[in-house]
């Protein structure tokens, strides 16, 4: 078990979708714990802001533009990270795309866009980092950010649910295949989280926001740093015997589908 305040010292990780929200929070957390972090995405200004925050706090980080849908760009990203820090010890697959749309209205381009980013992009990055670790004969950790509807399904997100279900089974398959190389693969499934991206894509109005909150027994959104702390645990040696698993952090949302009786997921009234 690690007792150091810098459990990731001398390690280097890549975080995709690292320009904001959960991705930037995870990158910052890993850097706080001693890791050298490559943050990737498609908006250099946002990536540079994350790097500046990390460096201001005494950490080491590097911003690299890459589209996870393009295997050549992904290979170049991994090579650049190795050039910058001398090694890559793991990966956080956070890059994603999502929007709510009834299945009958979903276009072929809408389906393809989400599948390409979430499923194909995760495979491209996982394959590139996994091959590097195997060739370097170095153990490592790969973490995928998914959602509980990967196994429950959810109306309006057939594209995202299908893609994230694929990511989950990919992780579990590779957890078995790559265990002999010392490579662990896990997933984290955050519930509704306070990020600009989620707010725009999943609850565009106050009424929709209230309905989402009403589905969470804890009746609050997750904070990005809460998710980042859990992610860093799964990446750390404290989780060295954990692979092929999903850590759900959704305030009980995926459990709270009540059918019978008076609603119990509403907040308690303030005492008078």
Protein backbone atom coordinates (compact mmCIF):
# COMPACT_ATOMS: atom_id res chain seq x y z
CA UNK A 1 0.00 0.00 0.00
CA UNK A 2 1.32 3.45 -0.88
CA UNK A 3 1.82 5.88 1.99
CA UNK A 4 3.75 8.53 0.08
CA UNK A 5 2.22 11.95 -0.52
CA UNK A 6 3.53 11.65 -4.08
CA UNK A 7 2.49 8.11 -5.06
CA UNK A 8 2.93 8.88 -8.77
CA UNK A 9 6.44 10.32 -8.55
CA UNK A 10 8.52 9.47 -11.64
CA UNK A 11 5.43 8.28 -13.49
CA UNK A 12 3.89 9.81 -16.59
CA UNK A 13 0.27 9.61 -17.70
CA UNK A 14 -1.85 10.75 -20.63
CA UNK A 15 -5.33 12.19 -20.04
CA UNK A 16 -7.57 12.56 -23.09
CA UNK A 17 -10.30 15.16 -23.08
CA UNK A 18 -8.08 16.97 -20.59
CA UNK A 19 -9.07 20.53 -21.41
CA UNK A 20 -11.90 20.83 -18.92
CA UNK A 21 -14.43 19.18 -16.65
CA UNK A 22 -13.61 15.73 -15.30
CA UNK A 23 -10.57 15.35 -17.57
CA UNK A 24 -8.81 18.47 -16.32
CA UNK A 25 -9.68 17.63 -12.71
CA UNK A 26 -8.10 14.18 -13.10
CA UNK A 27 -5.01 15.64 -14.76
CA UNK A 28 -4.61 18.17 -11.96
CA UNK A 29 -5.09 15.49 -9.29
CA UNK A 30 -2.50 13.17 -10.86
CA UNK A 31 -0.02 16.05 -11.07
CA UNK A 32 -0.67 16.95 -7.42
CA UNK A 33 0.29 13.37 -6.56
CA UNK A 34 3.58 13.66 -8.40
CA UNK A 35 2.80 12.48 -11.94
CA UNK A 36 3.99 14.09 -15.15
CA UNK A 37 0.83 14.58 -17.20
CA UNK A 38 0.18 14.95 -20.92
CA UNK A 39 -3.23 16.53 -21.47
CA UNK A 40 -4.74 16.08 -24.89
CA UNK A 41 -7.75 17.39 -26.75
CA UNK A 42 -8.65 19.57 -29.69
CA UNK A 43 -8.64 23.02 -28.06
CA UNK A 44 -5.09 24.17 -27.36
CA UNK A 45 -6.20 27.22 -25.38
CA UNK A 46 -8.06 25.06 -22.84
CA UNK A 47 -5.20 22.57 -22.66
CA UNK A 48 -2.70 25.36 -22.08
CA UNK A 49 -4.83 26.67 -19.21
CA UNK A 50 -4.73 23.26 -17.53
CA UNK A 51 -0.96 23.03 -18.01
CA UNK A 52 -0.54 26.53 -16.58
CA UNK A 53 -2.58 25.59 -13.52
CA UNK A 54 -0.49 22.46 -12.94
CA UNK A 55 2.81 24.26 -13.43
CA UNK A 56 1.71 27.11 -11.15
CA UNK A 57 1.21 24.53 -8.42
CA UNK A 58 4.67 23.06 -9.01
CA UNK A 59 3.71 20.14 -11.24
CA UNK A 60 4.84 19.08 -14.68
CA UNK A 61 2.47 18.91 -17.64
CA UNK A 62 2.41 19.07 -21.41
CA UNK A 63 -0.38 19.99 -23.82
CA UNK A 64 -0.74 18.09 -27.07
CA UNK A 65 -3.40 18.52 -29.73
CA UNK A 66 -4.84 15.20 -30.89
CA UNK A 67 -8.08 13.82 -32.28
CA UNK A 68 -8.60 10.43 -30.65
CA UNK A 69 -10.56 9.27 -33.70
CA UNK A 70 -7.38 9.33 -35.81
CA UNK A 71 -4.95 6.46 -35.03
CA UNK A 72 -2.02 8.32 -36.58
CA UNK A 73 -2.63 11.36 -34.38
CA UNK A 74 -2.92 9.07 -31.35
CA UNK A 75 0.39 7.36 -32.14
CA UNK A 76 1.99 10.79 -32.53
CA UNK A 77 0.50 11.84 -29.18
CA UNK A 78 2.01 8.85 -27.38
CA UNK A 79 5.38 9.42 -29.05
CA UNK A 80 5.32 13.10 -28.06
CA UNK A 81 4.50 12.22 -24.45
CA UNK A 82 7.42 9.78 -24.34
CA UNK A 83 9.74 12.38 -25.87
CA UNK A 84 8.64 14.97 -23.31
CA UNK A 85 8.78 12.84 -20.15
CA UNK A 86 10.83 9.81 -21.17
CA UNK A 87 8.06 7.30 -20.50
CA UNK A 88 4.33 6.62 -20.36
CA UNK A 89 2.94 4.60 -17.45
CA UNK A 90 -0.75 4.81 -18.16
CA UNK A 91 -3.75 6.49 -19.67
CA UNK A 92 -7.08 8.03 -18.71
CA UNK A 93 -9.61 7.77 -21.54
CA UNK A 94 -11.91 10.71 -20.83
CA UNK A 95 -12.55 12.11 -24.32
CA UNK A 96 -16.24 11.78 -25.12
CA UNK A 97 -19.14 13.21 -27.06
CA UNK A 98 -22.79 13.08 -26.11
CA UNK A 99 -26.16 14.69 -26.65
CA UNK A 100 -29.72 13.65 -25.87
CA UNK A 101 -31.77 12.54 -28.87
CA UNK A 102 -34.66 10.10 -29.36
CA UNK A 103 -33.40 7.07 -31.26
CA UNK A 104 -35.88 7.57 -34.10
CA UNK A 105 -34.47 11.07 -34.70
CA UNK A 106 -30.80 10.12 -34.47
CA UNK A 107 -28.95 10.66 -37.74
CA UNK A 108 -26.26 8.40 -39.12
CA UNK A 109 -23.74 11.18 -38.57
CA UNK A 110 -24.88 11.65 -34.97
CA UNK A 111 -24.47 7.93 -34.28
CA UNK A 112 -21.10 7.77 -36.02
CA UNK A 113 -19.75 10.86 -34.27
CA UNK A 114 -20.33 9.52 -30.75
CA UNK A 115 -19.20 5.98 -31.58
CA UNK A 116 -16.03 7.30 -33.21
CA UNK A 117 -15.04 9.43 -30.22
CA UNK A 118 -16.10 7.20 -27.34
CA UNK A 119 -15.55 3.66 -28.62
CA UNK A 120 -13.08 3.95 -31.47
CA UNK A 121 -11.17 6.76 -29.78
CA UNK A 122 -10.83 4.78 -26.56
CA UNK A 123 -9.57 1.78 -28.51
CA UNK A 124 -7.08 3.87 -30.48
CA UNK A 125 -5.58 5.34 -27.30
CA UNK A 126 -5.71 2.10 -25.33
CA UNK A 127 -4.07 0.15 -28.15
CA UNK A 128 -1.28 2.71 -28.59
CA UNK A 129 -0.47 2.98 -24.87
CA UNK A 130 -0.90 -0.76 -24.30
CA UNK A 131 1.50 -1.64 -27.11
CA UNK A 132 4.07 0.80 -25.73
CA UNK A 133 3.83 -0.68 -22.23
CA UNK A 134 4.14 -4.23 -23.55
CA UNK A 135 7.14 -3.38 -25.73
CA UNK A 136 8.79 -1.50 -22.84
CA UNK A 137 8.03 -4.42 -20.50
CA UNK A 138 6.53 -1.93 -18.06
CA UNK A 139 3.36 -2.41 -15.99
CA UNK A 140 0.70 0.26 -16.26
CA UNK A 141 -2.85 1.37 -15.57
CA UNK A 142 -5.57 2.41 -17.99
CA UNK A 143 -8.81 4.02 -16.80
CA UNK A 144 -11.94 4.68 -18.86
CA UNK A 145 -14.56 7.25 -17.90
CA UNK A 146 -17.98 5.77 -18.74
CA UNK A 147 -21.50 6.00 -17.25
CA UNK A 148 -23.88 3.65 -15.48
CA UNK A 149 -26.16 3.55 -18.52
CA UNK A 150 -23.44 1.45 -20.16
CA UNK A 151 -25.16 -1.49 -18.44
CA UNK A 152 -28.63 -0.11 -17.66
CA UNK A 153 -29.32 1.66 -20.96
CA UNK A 154 -31.04 5.03 -21.02
CA UNK A 155 -33.64 6.54 -23.39
CA UNK A 156 -32.24 9.31 -25.54
CA UNK A 157 -28.63 8.16 -25.34
CA UNK A 158 -28.62 5.01 -27.46
CA UNK A 159 -25.43 6.14 -29.23
CA UNK A 160 -23.53 6.96 -26.05
CA UNK A 161 -24.88 3.97 -24.10
CA UNK A 162 -23.85 1.58 -26.87
CA UNK A 163 -20.40 3.15 -27.13
CA UNK A 164 -19.75 3.13 -23.39
CA UNK A 165 -21.00 -0.46 -23.11
CA UNK A 166 -18.40 -1.33 -25.72
CA UNK A 167 -15.73 0.47 -23.71
CA UNK A 168 -16.71 -1.47 -20.59
CA UNK A 169 -16.46 -4.85 -22.28
CA UNK A 170 -13.24 -3.76 -23.98
CA UNK A 171 -11.72 -2.98 -20.60
CA UNK A 172 -12.84 -6.27 -19.11
CA UNK A 173 -11.54 -8.25 -22.09
CA UNK A 174 -8.15 -6.53 -22.05
CA UNK A 175 -7.95 -6.84 -18.27
CA UNK A 176 -7.71 -10.58 -18.82
CA UNK A 177 -5.52 -10.46 -21.92
CA UNK A 178 -3.02 -7.96 -20.52
CA UNK A 179 -2.90 -9.09 -16.90
CA UNK A 180 0.20 -11.14 -17.75
CA UNK A 181 1.94 -7.90 -18.72
CA UNK A 182 1.02 -6.18 -15.47
CA UNK A 183 -1.41 -3.80 -17.20
CA UNK A 184 -4.61 -3.05 -15.29
CA UNK A 185 -7.75 -1.72 -16.98
CA UNK A 186 -10.69 -0.30 -15.04
CA UNK A 187 -13.60 2.07 -15.50
CA UNK A 188 -15.19 4.79 -13.47
CA UNK A 189 -18.86 5.67 -13.94
CA UNK A 190 -19.62 9.18 -12.68
CA UNK A 191 -23.18 10.31 -12.21
CA UNK A 192 -24.37 13.85 -13.00
CA UNK A 193 -21.33 16.07 -12.51
CA UNK A 194 -20.99 19.84 -12.41
CA UNK A 195 -19.23 20.61 -15.68
CA UNK A 196 -20.03 23.08 -18.44
CA UNK A 197 -20.11 20.32 -21.05
CA UNK A 198 -22.57 18.11 -19.18
CA UNK A 199 -24.86 21.03 -18.43
CA UNK A 200 -25.08 22.00 -22.07
CA UNK A 201 -25.52 18.46 -23.39
CA UNK A 202 -27.69 16.75 -20.78
CA UNK A 203 -29.77 19.38 -18.95
CA UNK A 204 -30.22 22.47 -21.05
CA UNK A 205 -33.03 24.05 -19.00
CA UNK A 206 -33.74 24.61 -15.30
CA UNK A 207 -36.62 22.13 -15.44
CA UNK A 208 -34.35 19.46 -16.95
CA UNK A 209 -31.70 20.19 -14.32
CA UNK A 210 -34.26 19.79 -11.54
CA UNK A 211 -35.46 16.51 -13.02
CA UNK A 212 -31.89 15.18 -13.08
CA UNK A 213 -31.37 16.19 -9.46
CA UNK A 214 -34.64 14.49 -8.56
CA UNK A 215 -33.25 11.21 -9.89
CA UNK A 216 -30.27 11.28 -7.51
CA UNK A 217 -31.02 9.99 -3.98
CA UNK A 218 -28.25 12.21 -2.57
CA UNK A 219 -29.92 15.12 -4.41
CA UNK A 220 -26.77 16.86 -5.55
CA UNK A 221 -24.38 16.85 -8.44
CA UNK A 222 -20.90 15.38 -8.15
CA UNK A 223 -17.95 17.74 -7.97
CA UNK A 224 -15.17 17.10 -10.47
CA UNK A 225 -12.58 16.78 -7.71
CA UNK A 226 -14.62 13.97 -6.13
CA UNK A 227 -14.42 12.02 -9.37
CA UNK A 228 -10.73 12.86 -9.75
CA UNK A 229 -9.89 11.45 -6.32
CA UNK A 230 -11.59 8.17 -7.16
CA UNK A 231 -9.85 8.06 -10.54
CA UNK A 232 -6.45 8.57 -8.94
CA UNK A 233 -7.16 5.70 -6.55
CA UNK A 234 -7.82 3.29 -9.43
CA UNK A 235 -4.65 4.47 -11.17
CA UNK A 236 -2.55 4.05 -8.03
CA UNK A 237 -0.76 1.10 -6.47
CA UNK A 238 -3.43 1.12 -3.75
CA UNK A 239 -5.59 -0.56 -6.42
CA UNK A 240 -2.80 -2.86 -7.62
CA UNK A 241 -5.00 -5.98 -7.44
CA UNK A 242 -8.05 -4.35 -9.06
CA UNK A 243 -8.63 -4.89 -12.77
CA UNK A 244 -11.65 -5.21 -15.04
CA UNK A 245 -13.84 -3.37 -12.54
CA UNK A 246 -16.16 -0.36 -12.54
CA UNK A 247 -16.31 2.14 -9.70
CA UNK A 248 -19.70 3.87 -9.78
CA UNK A 249 -19.93 7.34 -8.25
CA UNK A 250 -23.43 8.60 -8.93
CA UNK A 251 -25.01 9.41 -5.57
CA UNK A 252 -27.18 6.30 -5.89
CA UNK A 253 -28.79 7.43 -9.15
CA UNK A 254 -28.44 4.06 -10.88
CA UNK A 255 -30.02 2.36 -7.82
CA UNK A 256 -32.85 4.77 -7.17
CA UNK A 257 -35.37 3.76 -9.83
CA UNK A 258 -38.43 3.68 -7.59
CA UNK A 259 -41.68 2.18 -8.93
CA UNK A 260 -43.86 1.68 -5.84
CA UNK A 261 -44.82 3.91 -2.94
CA UNK A 262 -44.43 7.60 -2.24
CA UNK A 263 -41.27 9.16 -3.73
CA UNK A 264 -38.30 8.91 -1.40
CA UNK A 265 -35.62 10.59 -3.52
CA UNK A 266 -36.77 14.16 -2.93
CA UNK A 267 -34.70 16.29 -0.54
CA UNK A 268 -35.87 16.45 3.05
CA UNK A 269 -37.70 19.68 3.87
CA UNK A 270 -35.73 22.21 5.87
CA UNK A 271 -36.46 22.08 9.57
CA UNK A 272 -38.31 25.03 11.05
